[in-house]
């Protein structure tokens, strides 16, 4: 069953390559690419699980443990980034709400000229003073 061990080693190598790509995609913020890589990994993982039931793949367990650690690290990075982006989204929503509350005071009314009216030719204060 040497071929099963060789196939498992090749699959592990491909999964290690995917894990490296995942880390790079997370660092640059390409979350769609990250999801696409995850999707491509699934058949390899299924096949590796099928091959892993034999005793001849035992020597590959160290590489497998390292791969699992890298994948956990990638998921941890993704989770941290998700939490950061959620906090930023809440902060922006709060800022938008504060601006919405203040915005009626910034609009022009019929009694006071607004910024937009002053920018039109013929209605500026300079023209009115001349």
C-alpha atoms as a PDB file:
ATOM      1  CA  UNK A   1       0.000   0.000   0.000  1.00  0.00           C
ATOM      2  CA  UNK A   2       2.850   2.333  -0.739  1.00  0.00           C
ATOM      3  CA  UNK A   3       0.727   4.089  -3.361  1.00  0.00           C
ATOM      4  CA  UNK A   4      -1.875   5.074  -0.734  1.00  0.00           C
ATOM      5  CA  UNK A   5       0.868   6.671   1.332  1.00  0.00           C
ATOM      6  CA  UNK A   6       2.221   8.464  -1.755  1.00  0.00           C
ATOM      7  CA  UNK A   7      -1.256   9.723  -2.665  1.00  0.00           C
ATOM      8  CA  UNK A   8      -1.813  10.931   0.881  1.00  0.00           C
ATOM      9  CA  UNK A   9       1.547  12.746   0.805  1.00  0.00           C
ATOM     10  CA  UNK A  10       0.619  14.454  -2.480  1.00  0.00           C
ATOM     11  CA  UNK A  11      -2.772  15.456  -1.109  1.00  0.00           C
ATOM     12  CA  UNK A  12      -1.149  16.845   2.014  1.00  0.00           C
ATOM     13  CA  UNK A  13       1.269  18.843  -0.125  1.00  0.00           C
ATOM     14  CA  UNK A  14      -1.616  20.311  -2.110  1.00  0.00           C
ATOM     15  CA  UNK A  15      -3.488  21.152   1.086  1.00  0.00           C
ATOM     16  CA  UNK A  16      -0.391  22.822   2.525  1.00  0.00           C
ATOM     17  CA  UNK A  17      -0.183  24.915  -0.649  1.00  0.00           C
ATOM     18  CA  UNK A  18      -3.842  25.878  -0.270  1.00  0.00           C
ATOM     19  CA  UNK A  19      -3.288  26.817   3.381  1.00  0.00           C
ATOM     20  CA  UNK A  20      -0.464  29.144   2.316  1.00  0.00           C
ATOM     21  CA  UNK A  21      -2.719  30.732  -0.304  1.00  0.00           C
ATOM     22  CA  UNK A  22      -5.451  31.179   2.301  1.00  0.00           C
ATOM     23  CA  UNK A  23      -3.094  33.080   4.591  1.00  0.00           C
ATOM     24  CA  UNK A  24      -1.996  35.366   1.748  1.00  0.00           C
ATOM     25  CA  UNK A  25      -5.571  36.027   0.646  1.00  0.00           C
ATOM     26  CA  UNK A  26      -6.577  36.870   4.200  1.00  0.00           C
ATOM     27  CA  UNK A  27      -3.699  39.310   4.582  1.00  0.00           C
ATOM     28  CA  UNK A  28      -4.672  41.196   1.434  1.00  0.00           C
ATOM     29  CA  UNK A  29      -8.393  41.077   2.255  1.00  0.00           C
ATOM     30  CA  UNK A  30      -9.532  38.904  -0.657  1.00  0.00           C
ATOM     31  CA  UNK A  31     -12.316  37.070   1.177  1.00  0.00           C
ATOM     32  CA  UNK A  32     -13.967  35.801  -2.006  1.00  0.00           C
ATOM     33  CA  UNK A  33     -10.649  34.243  -3.016  1.00  0.00           C
ATOM     34  CA  UNK A  34     -10.344  32.741   0.457  1.00  0.00           C
ATOM     35  CA  UNK A  35     -13.785  31.150   0.093  1.00  0.00           C
ATOM     36  CA  UNK A  36     -12.901  29.839  -3.377  1.00  0.00           C
ATOM     37  CA  UNK A  37      -9.728  28.203  -2.054  1.00  0.00           C
ATOM     38  CA  UNK A  38     -11.714  26.654   0.801  1.00  0.00           C
ATOM     39  CA  UNK A  39     -14.176  25.254  -1.710  1.00  0.00           C
ATOM     40  CA  UNK A  40     -11.361  23.712  -3.770  1.00  0.00           C
ATOM     41  CA  UNK A  41      -9.909  22.071  -0.644  1.00  0.00           C
ATOM     42  CA  UNK A  42     -13.043  20.098   0.198  1.00  0.00           C
ATOM     43  CA  UNK A  43     -12.575  17.196  -2.277  1.00  0.00           C
ATOM     44  CA  UNK A  44      -8.931  16.856  -1.245  1.00  0.00           C
ATOM     45  CA  UNK A  45      -9.890  16.651   2.403  1.00  0.00           C
ATOM     46  CA  UNK A  46     -12.558  14.030   1.675  1.00  0.00           C
ATOM     47  CA  UNK A  47     -10.083  11.921  -0.289  1.00  0.00           C
ATOM     48  CA  UNK A  48      -7.428  12.329   2.402  1.00  0.00           C
ATOM     49  CA  UNK A  49      -9.907  11.149   5.022  1.00  0.00           C
ATOM     50  CA  UNK A  50     -10.620   8.071   2.942  1.00  0.00           C
ATOM     51  CA  UNK A  51      -6.909   7.320   2.634  1.00  0.00           C
ATOM     52  CA  UNK A  52      -6.208   8.152   6.275  1.00  0.00           C
ATOM     53  CA  UNK A  53      -8.040   5.144   7.627  1.00  0.00           C
ATOM     54  CA  UNK A  54      -5.113   2.853   6.798  1.00  0.00           C
ATOM     55  CA  UNK A  55      -2.144   2.304   9.088  1.00  0.00           C
ATOM     56  CA  UNK A  56       0.367   3.015   6.287  1.00  0.00           C
ATOM     57  CA  UNK A  57      -0.391   6.747   6.398  1.00  0.00           C
ATOM     58  CA  UNK A  58       0.766   7.020  10.023  1.00  0.00           C
ATOM     59  CA  UNK A  59       4.077   8.739   9.229  1.00  0.00           C
ATOM     60  CA  UNK A  60       2.179  11.643   7.681  1.00  0.00           C
ATOM     61  CA  UNK A  61       0.413  12.516  10.917  1.00  0.00           C
ATOM     62  CA  UNK A  62       2.997  15.160  11.867  1.00  0.00           C
ATOM     63  CA  UNK A  63       2.438  17.019   8.598  1.00  0.00           C
ATOM     64  CA  UNK A  64      -1.301  16.658   9.034  1.00  0.00           C
ATOM     65  CA  UNK A  65      -1.169  18.149  12.539  1.00  0.00           C
ATOM     66  CA  UNK A  66       0.888  21.092  11.258  1.00  0.00           C
ATOM     67  CA  UNK A  67      -1.609  21.600   8.434  1.00  0.00           C
ATOM     68  CA  UNK A  68      -4.527  21.581  10.863  1.00  0.00           C
ATOM     69  CA  UNK A  69      -2.726  24.140  13.031  1.00  0.00           C
ATOM     70  CA  UNK A  70      -2.241  26.432  10.002  1.00  0.00           C
ATOM     71  CA  UNK A  71      -5.891  26.110   9.063  1.00  0.00           C
ATOM     72  CA  UNK A  72      -6.944  26.958  12.613  1.00  0.00           C
ATOM     73  CA  UNK A  73      -4.636  29.980  12.492  1.00  0.00           C
ATOM     74  CA  UNK A  74      -6.204  31.092   9.199  1.00  0.00           C
ATOM     75  CA  UNK A  75      -9.692  30.749  10.659  1.00  0.00           C
ATOM     76  CA  UNK A  76      -8.594  32.679  13.730  1.00  0.00           C
ATOM     77  CA  UNK A  77      -7.280  35.477  11.482  1.00  0.00           C
ATOM     78  CA  UNK A  78     -10.580  35.486   9.594  1.00  0.00           C
ATOM     79  CA  UNK A  79     -12.543  35.651  12.833  1.00  0.00           C
ATOM     80  CA  UNK A  80     -10.442  38.570  14.111  1.00  0.00           C
ATOM     81  CA  UNK A  81     -10.911  40.410  10.842  1.00  0.00           C
ATOM     82  CA  UNK A  82     -14.663  39.748  10.946  1.00  0.00           C
ATOM     83  CA  UNK A  83     -14.874  41.150  14.472  1.00  0.00           C
ATOM     84  CA  UNK A  84     -12.864  44.223  13.463  1.00  0.00           C
ATOM     85  CA  UNK A  85     -15.040  44.868  10.422  1.00  0.00           C
ATOM     86  CA  UNK A  86     -18.216  44.393  12.475  1.00  0.00           C
ATOM     87  CA  UNK A  87     -16.982  46.951  15.001  1.00  0.00           C
ATOM     88  CA  UNK A  88     -16.131  49.360  12.178  1.00  0.00           C
ATOM     89  CA  UNK A  89     -19.567  48.869  10.650  1.00  0.00           C
ATOM     90  CA  UNK A  90     -21.212  49.642  14.020  1.00  0.00           C
ATOM     91  CA  UNK A  91     -18.988  52.711  14.456  1.00  0.00           C
ATOM     92  CA  UNK A  92     -19.888  53.985  10.979  1.00  0.00           C
ATOM     93  CA  UNK A  93     -23.584  53.357  11.606  1.00  0.00           C
ATOM     94  CA  UNK A  94     -23.371  55.361  14.839  1.00  0.00           C
ATOM     95  CA  UNK A  95     -21.581  58.186  13.029  1.00  0.00           C
ATOM     96  CA  UNK A  96     -24.177  58.130  10.271  1.00  0.00           C
ATOM     97  CA  UNK A  97     -26.934  58.304  12.874  1.00  0.00           C
ATOM     98  CA  UNK A  98     -25.278  61.291  14.575  1.00  0.00           C
ATOM     99  CA  UNK A  99     -24.967  63.023  11.210  1.00  0.00           C
ATOM    100  CA  UNK A 100     -28.592  62.284  10.455  1.00  0.00           C
ATOM    101  CA  UNK A 101     -29.570  63.927  13.733  1.00  0.00           C
ATOM    102  CA  UNK A 102     -27.481  67.011  12.948  1.00  0.00           C
ATOM    103  CA  UNK A 103     -28.340  67.267   9.247  1.00  0.00           C
ATOM    104  CA  UNK A 104     -31.617  69.241   9.653  1.00  0.00           C
ATOM    105  CA  UNK A 105     -29.548  72.066  11.113  1.00  0.00           C
ATOM    106  CA  UNK A 106     -27.228  72.121   8.104  1.00  0.00           C
ATOM    107  CA  UNK A 107     -30.012  72.339   5.507  1.00  0.00           C
ATOM    108  CA  UNK A 108     -31.128  75.665   4.133  1.00  0.00           C
ATOM    109  CA  UNK A 109     -34.506  76.961   5.089  1.00  0.00           C
ATOM    110  CA  UNK A 110     -36.569  79.776   3.596  1.00  0.00           C
ATOM    111  CA  UNK A 111     -35.407  82.181   6.321  1.00  0.00           C
ATOM    112  CA  UNK A 112     -31.648  81.652   6.161  1.00  0.00           C
ATOM    113  CA  UNK A 113     -29.574  81.173   3.027  1.00  0.00           C
ATOM    114  CA  UNK A 114     -27.755  77.855   2.932  1.00  0.00           C
ATOM    115  CA  UNK A 115     -24.369  76.915   1.623  1.00  0.00           C
ATOM    116  CA  UNK A 116     -25.725  75.846  -1.742  1.00  0.00           C
ATOM    117  CA  UNK A 117     -27.577  79.119  -2.271  1.00  0.00           C
ATOM    118  CA  UNK A 118     -24.503  81.157  -1.462  1.00  0.00           C
ATOM    119  CA  UNK A 119     -22.487  79.254  -4.058  1.00  0.00           C
ATOM    120  CA  UNK A 120     -24.827  80.213  -6.915  1.00  0.00           C
ATOM    121  CA  UNK A 121     -23.846  83.268  -8.951  1.00  0.00           C
ATOM    122  CA  UNK A 122     -25.868  86.325  -8.238  1.00  0.00           C
ATOM    123  CA  UNK A 123     -26.877  85.351  -4.693  1.00  0.00           C
ATOM    124  CA  UNK A 124     -23.544  85.485  -2.928  1.00  0.00           C
ATOM    125  CA  UNK A 125     -22.951  88.039  -0.235  1.00  0.00           C
ATOM    126  CA  UNK A 126     -20.160  89.604  -2.240  1.00  0.00           C
ATOM    127  CA  UNK A 127     -22.487  90.290  -5.146  1.00  0.00           C
ATOM    128  CA  UNK A 128     -25.153  91.623  -2.818  1.00  0.00           C
ATOM    129  CA  UNK A 129     -22.682  94.033  -1.235  1.00  0.00           C
ATOM    130  CA  UNK A 130     -21.509  95.466  -4.545  1.00  0.00           C
END
